[in-house]
Amino acid sequence: MGRRSERLGRQDGAADGADGDVIQVVSRAFDIMRCFEGQDMRLGNLEIASRCRLPRSTVSRLTHTLTRMGQLVYLPQDQKYRLGPGAIAMSVSMTRGLRFRPLIRLMMQDVAEAIPGTIGFVAPDRFHMVYLEYARAYDVVGLQSTTGSRIAIARTAAGHAYTAALGTERYRALLADMTRETPDDARLLDARIEANRRALRDDGFVVSCGLWNPHISGISVPLWSPRYRDFLVITIGLLSAMYDERRLREEVAPRLLQLSAAVQKLSDSVEDNPFVAETASPRKQKPSEARGARETGHELEAGAGRTGAPGGVRAPDGRRRQGEAAT
């Protein structure tokens, strides 16, 4: 089976849950932390247990431990918890110096001024996508997601674009986990996966109308990040009354593809650019990694050993999709 560090670093990203590698108590502790969507959010053990689908006794033991560690704070007057100084300090440390985010937000804001929606730069987190950055015009109505907002993978254009870009093994691992914990979402996602893969292969984007909210339509483009060894997604949500699927494809998709290409070609001088491969310790690419760079339905550029920005998602014949040229 190989060393654990090698399995975690596999380019195909397949989950190792079947190997028994996942330490459940650690996984559950992170599930509890994910329940707190903001510094001021307050939750009791019963609410956390319901959100995590865990026994209340298990939640009680974990929240006690997390409180002792400073990750949570117990509020006796409310009999609830909120994020503690340890969690806040950790998040600040992780986001400090992320200079690529303001650059991306400027790019997104230019598009937001022309298209009355909310544009997001999102990253995967288990069964959700999390907004790293967002932009919208000052007078926009409808979707009001902000930095840190979490949206369900199975019920949003961003999540459907992300899973459509995944290779077969990695998608099946995600679907298996989702089937165990959120079976309704798993069925919804899997029913659309082949159509989403065709759309991504043929058009370079995925559209979702009314899936998360009957009044919101979305369109999303996944981008491969060799630094994070995963896909990040550029997405936009608009009012369905203003933008039906035809208008999304004709008016919004070209702008979104241009934006995605510009984002992926950020200056190499930005040290934390997620679209530039790390080259601190160059080495020869292993055959298993080279195989992992090729995914079912389309080709992903793994970025191993590369110094420039990768080409992102490509069509099966290797040609860059329309709209992915530099703007």
Protein backbone atom coordinates (compact mmCIF):
# COMPACT_ATOMS: atom_id res chain seq x y z
CA MET A 1 0.00 0.00 0.00
CA GLY A 2 2.98 2.34 0.40
CA ARG A 3 3.75 4.89 3.04
CA ARG A 4 0.85 7.00 4.32
CA SER A 5 2.58 10.22 3.21
CA GLU A 6 2.86 8.85 -0.31
CA ARG A 7 -0.79 7.87 -0.42
CA LEU A 8 -1.88 11.28 0.82
CA GLY A 9 0.24 12.87 -1.88
CA ARG A 10 -1.07 10.80 -4.77
CA GLN A 11 -1.98 12.98 -7.70
CA ASP A 12 -5.30 11.25 -8.27
CA GLY A 13 -6.32 12.34 -4.78
CA ALA A 14 -8.27 9.16 -4.10
CA ALA A 15 -9.53 8.90 -0.56
CA ASP A 16 -8.01 6.28 1.68
CA GLY A 17 -11.00 5.69 3.92
CA ALA A 18 -11.26 2.11 2.71
CA ASP A 19 -7.69 1.50 3.93
CA GLY A 20 -8.63 2.43 7.48
CA ASP A 21 -6.24 5.39 7.46
CA VAL A 22 -8.77 7.97 8.61
CA ILE A 23 -8.73 8.52 12.37
CA GLN A 24 -12.41 9.00 13.09
CA VAL A 25 -12.03 11.14 16.21
CA VAL A 26 -9.91 13.67 14.27
CA SER A 27 -12.34 13.68 11.36
CA ARG A 28 -15.27 14.24 13.70
CA ALA A 29 -13.50 17.06 15.52
CA PHE A 30 -13.07 18.87 12.20
CA ASP A 31 -16.73 18.22 11.38
CA ILE A 32 -17.66 20.01 14.60
CA MET A 33 -15.42 22.97 13.80
CA ARG A 34 -17.03 23.25 10.35
CA CYS A 35 -20.42 23.78 12.00
CA PHE A 36 -19.34 27.23 13.13
CA GLU A 37 -19.72 29.41 10.05
CA GLY A 38 -18.67 32.61 11.79
CA GLN A 39 -16.92 33.91 14.87
CA ASP A 40 -20.21 34.91 16.51
CA MET A 41 -22.14 31.74 15.74
CA ARG A 42 -23.33 29.91 18.86
CA LEU A 43 -24.30 26.25 18.93
CA GLY A 44 -25.23 23.74 21.62
CA ASN A 45 -24.30 20.08 21.66
CA LEU A 46 -27.73 19.05 20.37
CA GLU A 47 -27.50 21.44 17.41
CA ILE A 48 -23.98 20.27 16.62
CA ALA A 49 -25.02 16.62 16.86
CA SER A 50 -27.85 17.27 14.41
CA ARG A 51 -25.59 19.06 11.94
CA CYS A 52 -22.82 16.45 12.15
CA ARG A 53 -25.15 13.45 12.37
CA LEU A 54 -23.25 12.22 15.42
CA PRO A 55 -24.43 10.89 18.80
CA ARG A 56 -24.82 13.66 21.35
CA SER A 57 -22.50 11.82 23.77
CA THR A 58 -19.73 11.82 21.15
CA VAL A 59 -20.26 15.50 20.46
CA SER A 60 -20.18 16.29 24.17
CA ARG A 61 -16.79 14.61 24.60
CA LEU A 62 -15.33 16.34 21.54
CA THR A 63 -16.61 19.82 22.40
CA HIS A 64 -15.17 19.41 25.90
CA THR A 65 -11.78 18.52 24.40
CA LEU A 66 -11.91 21.33 21.84
CA THR A 67 -12.77 23.77 24.61
CA ARG A 68 -9.79 22.63 26.68
CA MET A 69 -7.62 23.20 23.58
CA GLY A 70 -8.93 26.72 23.07
CA GLN A 71 -10.62 25.91 19.78
CA LEU A 72 -14.06 26.49 21.29
CA VAL A 73 -15.37 28.65 24.13
CA TYR A 74 -18.25 27.51 26.33
CA LEU A 75 -20.88 30.12 27.18
CA PRO A 76 -22.56 28.91 30.40
CA GLN A 77 -25.35 31.48 30.27
CA ASP A 78 -26.44 30.12 26.87
CA GLN A 79 -25.19 26.54 27.33
CA LYS A 80 -23.65 26.89 23.89
CA TYR A 81 -20.25 27.12 22.24
CA ARG A 82 -18.60 29.55 19.87
CA LEU A 83 -15.21 29.59 18.18
CA GLY A 84 -12.34 30.13 20.59
CA PRO A 85 -9.12 32.10 20.30
CA GLY A 86 -7.18 29.08 19.08
CA ALA A 87 -9.41 28.61 16.04
CA ILE A 88 -9.40 32.32 15.25
CA ALA A 89 -5.62 32.54 15.56
CA MET A 90 -5.22 29.54 13.28
CA SER A 91 -7.44 31.06 10.59
CA VAL A 92 -5.57 34.37 10.77
CA SER A 93 -2.24 32.56 10.39
CA MET A 94 -3.51 30.66 7.36
CA THR A 95 -4.81 33.75 5.56
CA ARG A 96 -1.95 36.10 6.42
CA GLY A 97 -0.01 37.16 3.35
CA LEU A 98 -2.40 35.65 0.79
CA ARG A 99 -1.65 38.35 -1.72
CA PHE A 100 -3.30 36.59 -4.63
CA ARG A 101 -6.77 37.12 -3.14
CA PRO A 102 -6.92 40.92 -3.56
CA LEU A 103 -5.68 40.53 -7.13
CA ILE A 104 -8.41 38.01 -7.89
CA ARG A 105 -11.02 40.20 -6.25
CA LEU A 106 -10.05 43.14 -8.49
CA MET A 107 -10.45 40.95 -11.56
CA MET A 108 -13.81 39.68 -10.35
CA GLN A 109 -15.02 43.17 -9.49
CA ASP A 110 -14.50 44.31 -13.08
CA VAL A 111 -16.85 41.56 -14.25
CA ALA A 112 -19.29 42.16 -11.40
CA GLU A 113 -19.77 45.76 -12.50
CA ALA A 114 -20.96 44.49 -15.89
CA ILE A 115 -22.96 41.45 -14.74
CA PRO A 116 -25.40 41.94 -11.81
CA GLY A 117 -24.53 38.87 -9.81
CA THR A 118 -22.26 37.62 -7.05
CA ILE A 119 -18.95 36.24 -8.30
CA GLY A 120 -17.05 33.87 -6.06
CA PHE A 121 -13.61 32.28 -5.95
CA VAL A 122 -14.28 29.08 -4.01
CA ALA A 123 -12.39 26.07 -2.67
CA PRO A 124 -13.63 22.60 -1.66
CA ASP A 125 -14.09 21.60 1.96
CA ARG A 126 -15.50 18.11 2.29
CA PHE A 127 -19.15 18.35 1.12
CA HIS A 128 -19.07 22.13 0.66
CA MET A 129 -17.40 24.86 -1.34
CA VAL A 130 -16.11 27.83 0.66
CA TYR A 131 -15.83 31.39 -0.63
CA LEU A 132 -12.21 32.56 -0.51
CA GLU A 133 -13.13 35.83 -2.23
CA TYR A 134 -16.21 37.40 -3.76
CA ALA A 135 -17.26 40.46 -5.73
CA ARG A 136 -20.58 42.05 -6.60
CA ALA A 137 -21.93 45.36 -7.82
CA TYR A 138 -23.17 47.64 -5.04
CA ASP A 139 -26.79 47.47 -6.22
CA VAL A 140 -26.99 43.73 -6.89
CA VAL A 141 -29.92 41.76 -5.46
CA GLY A 142 -30.29 38.05 -4.84
CA LEU A 143 -27.30 35.93 -3.84
CA GLN A 144 -25.42 37.55 -0.94
CA SER A 145 -22.57 35.14 -0.26
CA THR A 146 -19.43 36.62 1.31
CA THR A 147 -15.91 35.47 2.20
CA GLY A 148 -16.24 32.34 4.34
CA SER A 149 -19.74 31.44 3.12
CA ARG A 150 -20.25 27.71 2.64
CA ILE A 151 -22.36 26.27 -0.18
CA ALA A 152 -23.28 22.62 -0.70
CA ILE A 153 -21.35 20.78 -3.40
CA ALA A 154 -24.41 18.78 -4.44
CA ARG A 155 -26.74 21.77 -4.83
CA THR A 156 -24.69 24.48 -6.52
CA ALA A 157 -23.12 25.14 -9.89
CA ALA A 158 -19.74 25.53 -8.18
CA GLY A 159 -19.99 22.09 -6.60
CA HIS A 160 -21.19 20.47 -9.81
CA ALA A 161 -18.33 22.05 -11.78
CA TYR A 162 -15.85 20.87 -9.14
CA THR A 163 -17.04 17.26 -9.14
CA ALA A 164 -17.29 17.20 -12.95
CA ALA A 165 -13.58 18.00 -13.08
CA LEU A 166 -12.59 15.24 -10.63
CA GLY A 167 -11.19 11.96 -11.84
CA THR A 168 -13.23 8.79 -11.49
CA GLU A 169 -11.53 7.43 -8.36
CA ARG A 170 -11.66 10.68 -6.48
CA TYR A 171 -15.27 11.33 -7.42
CA ARG A 172 -16.31 7.84 -6.31
CA ALA A 173 -14.55 8.31 -2.97
CA LEU A 174 -16.35 11.62 -2.40
CA LEU A 175 -19.68 10.13 -3.45
CA ALA A 176 -19.22 7.16 -1.10
CA ASP A 177 -18.60 9.49 1.85
CA MET A 178 -21.56 11.64 0.86
CA THR A 179 -23.81 8.58 0.48
CA ARG A 180 -23.04 7.59 4.08
CA GLU A 181 -23.63 11.03 5.56
CA THR A 182 -25.92 12.97 3.20
CA PRO A 183 -27.59 10.38 0.93
CA ASP A 184 -30.09 12.82 -0.61
CA ASP A 185 -27.27 15.08 -1.75
CA ALA A 186 -25.34 12.09 -3.08
CA ARG A 187 -28.27 10.99 -5.25
CA LEU A 188 -28.81 14.53 -6.53
CA LEU A 189 -25.15 14.93 -7.44
CA ASP A 190 -24.71 11.53 -9.07
CA ALA A 191 -27.84 11.94 -11.20
CA ARG A 192 -26.20 14.92 -12.94
CA ILE A 193 -22.53 13.93 -13.02
CA GLU A 194 -22.40 12.61 -16.60
CA ALA A 195 -24.24 15.63 -18.01
CA ASN A 196 -21.94 17.92 -16.02
CA ARG A 197 -18.85 16.15 -17.33
CA ARG A 198 -20.10 16.49 -20.91
CA ALA A 199 -20.79 20.19 -20.37
CA LEU A 200 -17.34 20.76 -18.91
CA ARG A 201 -15.68 18.81 -21.71
CA ASP A 202 -17.64 20.49 -24.50
CA ASP A 203 -18.12 24.03 -23.16
CA GLY A 204 -15.57 24.53 -20.39
CA PHE A 205 -18.22 25.38 -17.77
CA VAL A 206 -21.19 23.94 -15.87
CA VAL A 207 -24.61 25.59 -15.54
CA SER A 208 -27.14 25.04 -12.75
CA CYS A 209 -30.57 26.68 -12.69
CA GLY A 210 -32.74 26.60 -9.58
CA LEU A 211 -30.92 23.71 -7.94
CA TRP A 212 -29.93 25.49 -4.72
CA ASN A 213 -32.59 28.18 -4.85
CA PRO A 214 -35.45 28.37 -7.39
CA HIS A 215 -34.67 32.06 -7.92
CA ILE A 216 -30.91 31.68 -8.50
CA SER A 217 -29.03 30.45 -11.56
CA GLY A 218 -25.32 29.70 -11.51
CA ILE A 219 -22.47 29.07 -13.90
CA SER A 220 -19.01 27.88 -12.85
CA VAL A 221 -15.53 27.08 -14.19
CA PRO A 222 -13.05 24.80 -12.33
CA LEU A 223 -9.32 25.60 -12.34
CA TRP A 224 -6.57 23.15 -11.45
CA SER A 225 -4.17 24.35 -8.74
CA PRO A 226 -0.84 22.48 -8.64
CA ARG A 227 0.02 24.21 -5.36
CA TYR A 228 -3.09 22.88 -3.60
CA ARG A 229 -3.29 19.71 -5.77
CA ASP A 230 -7.00 20.30 -6.19
CA PHE A 231 -9.52 22.32 -8.15
CA LEU A 232 -10.61 25.83 -7.24
CA VAL A 233 -13.71 27.27 -8.89
CA ILE A 234 -14.78 30.62 -10.31
CA THR A 235 -18.57 30.88 -10.02
CA ILE A 236 -21.32 33.44 -10.45
CA GLY A 237 -24.89 33.42 -9.17
CA LEU A 238 -27.60 35.53 -10.77
CA LEU A 239 -31.35 36.00 -10.50
CA SER A 240 -33.13 33.43 -12.68
CA ALA A 241 -35.76 36.02 -13.59
CA MET A 242 -33.04 38.04 -15.30
CA TYR A 243 -30.78 35.27 -16.63
CA ASP A 244 -32.23 32.04 -17.98
CA GLU A 245 -29.93 29.28 -19.23
CA ARG A 246 -29.74 30.67 -22.76
CA ARG A 247 -28.67 34.09 -21.54
CA LEU A 248 -26.17 32.52 -19.14
CA ARG A 249 -24.52 30.69 -22.01
CA GLU A 250 -24.55 33.55 -24.48
CA GLU A 251 -23.75 36.55 -22.26
CA VAL A 252 -22.20 35.33 -19.02
CA ALA A 253 -20.17 32.28 -20.04
CA PRO A 254 -17.70 34.16 -22.32
CA ARG A 255 -16.96 36.70 -19.58
CA LEU A 256 -16.55 33.98 -16.98
CA LEU A 257 -14.18 31.98 -19.18
CA GLN A 258 -12.09 35.09 -19.82
CA LEU A 259 -12.02 35.85 -16.10
CA SER A 260 -10.98 32.29 -15.31
CA ALA A 261 -8.15 32.44 -17.83
CA ALA A 262 -6.95 35.75 -16.38
CA VAL A 263 -7.09 34.40 -12.82
CA GLN A 264 -5.10 31.33 -13.77
CA LYS A 265 -2.43 33.48 -15.38
CA LEU A 266 -1.67 35.61 -12.33
CA SER A 267 1.84 36.97 -12.09
CA ASP A 268 4.40 34.32 -11.15
CA SER A 269 5.91 36.87 -8.74
CA VAL A 270 3.07 36.26 -6.28
CA GLU A 271 4.58 33.65 -3.98
CA ASP A 272 1.25 32.24 -2.85
CA ASN A 273 -0.23 32.06 -6.34
CA PRO A 274 -2.26 28.81 -6.25
CA PHE A 275 -1.79 28.31 -9.99
CA VAL A 276 2.00 28.10 -9.94
CA ALA A 277 3.64 24.82 -9.00
CA GLU A 278 6.05 24.85 -6.08
CA THR A 279 9.61 24.23 -7.29
CA ALA A 280 11.59 24.37 -4.04
CA SER A 281 12.73 20.76 -4.39
CA PRO A 282 12.51 19.71 -8.04
CA ARG A 283 12.53 16.01 -8.71
CA LYS A 284 11.74 13.58 -11.45
CA GLN A 285 8.05 12.87 -11.79
CA LYS A 286 7.11 9.33 -10.80
CA PRO A 287 5.17 7.19 -13.31
CA SER A 288 2.25 6.97 -10.87
CA GLU A 289 2.08 10.76 -10.68
CA ALA A 290 2.18 11.08 -14.45
CA ARG A 291 -0.72 8.66 -14.70
CA GLY A 292 -2.56 10.58 -11.99
CA ALA A 293 -2.39 13.74 -14.08
CA ARG A 294 -4.74 12.18 -16.63
CA GLU A 295 -8.34 12.00 -15.53
CA THR A 296 -11.37 10.38 -17.13
CA GLY A 297 -12.99 12.53 -19.82
CA HIS A 298 -10.39 15.30 -19.92
CA GLU A 299 -6.75 16.05 -19.08
CA LEU A 300 -5.53 17.80 -15.95
CA GLU A 301 -2.13 19.39 -15.73
CA ALA A 302 -0.65 18.18 -12.47
CA GLY A 303 2.04 20.84 -12.45
CA ALA A 304 4.77 18.57 -11.08
CA GLY A 305 8.12 19.87 -12.22
CA ARG A 306 6.56 22.89 -13.98
CA THR A 307 7.54 26.47 -13.30
CA GLY A 308 4.81 28.26 -15.24
CA ALA A 309 1.07 28.43 -14.73
CA PRO A 310 -0.67 25.24 -15.86
CA GLY A 311 -3.16 25.20 -18.68
CA GLY A 312 -6.09 24.18 -16.51
CA VAL A 313 -8.83 21.90 -17.81
CA ARG A 314 -8.30 20.84 -21.41
CA ALA A 315 -10.43 19.07 -23.96
CA PRO A 316 -9.72 15.36 -24.62
CA ASP A 317 -7.74 16.18 -27.78
CA GLY A 318 -5.39 18.39 -25.78
CA ARG A 319 -6.57 21.71 -27.28
CA ARG A 320 -7.20 24.58 -24.86
CA ARG A 321 -10.88 25.27 -24.64
CA GLN A 322 -12.35 28.39 -26.14
CA GLY A 323 -12.14 31.29 -23.73
CA GLU A 324 -9.00 30.06 -21.97
CA ALA A 325 -6.59 32.21 -23.95
CA ALA A 326 -4.94 35.11 -22.14
CA THR A 327 -7.10 38.19 -21.91
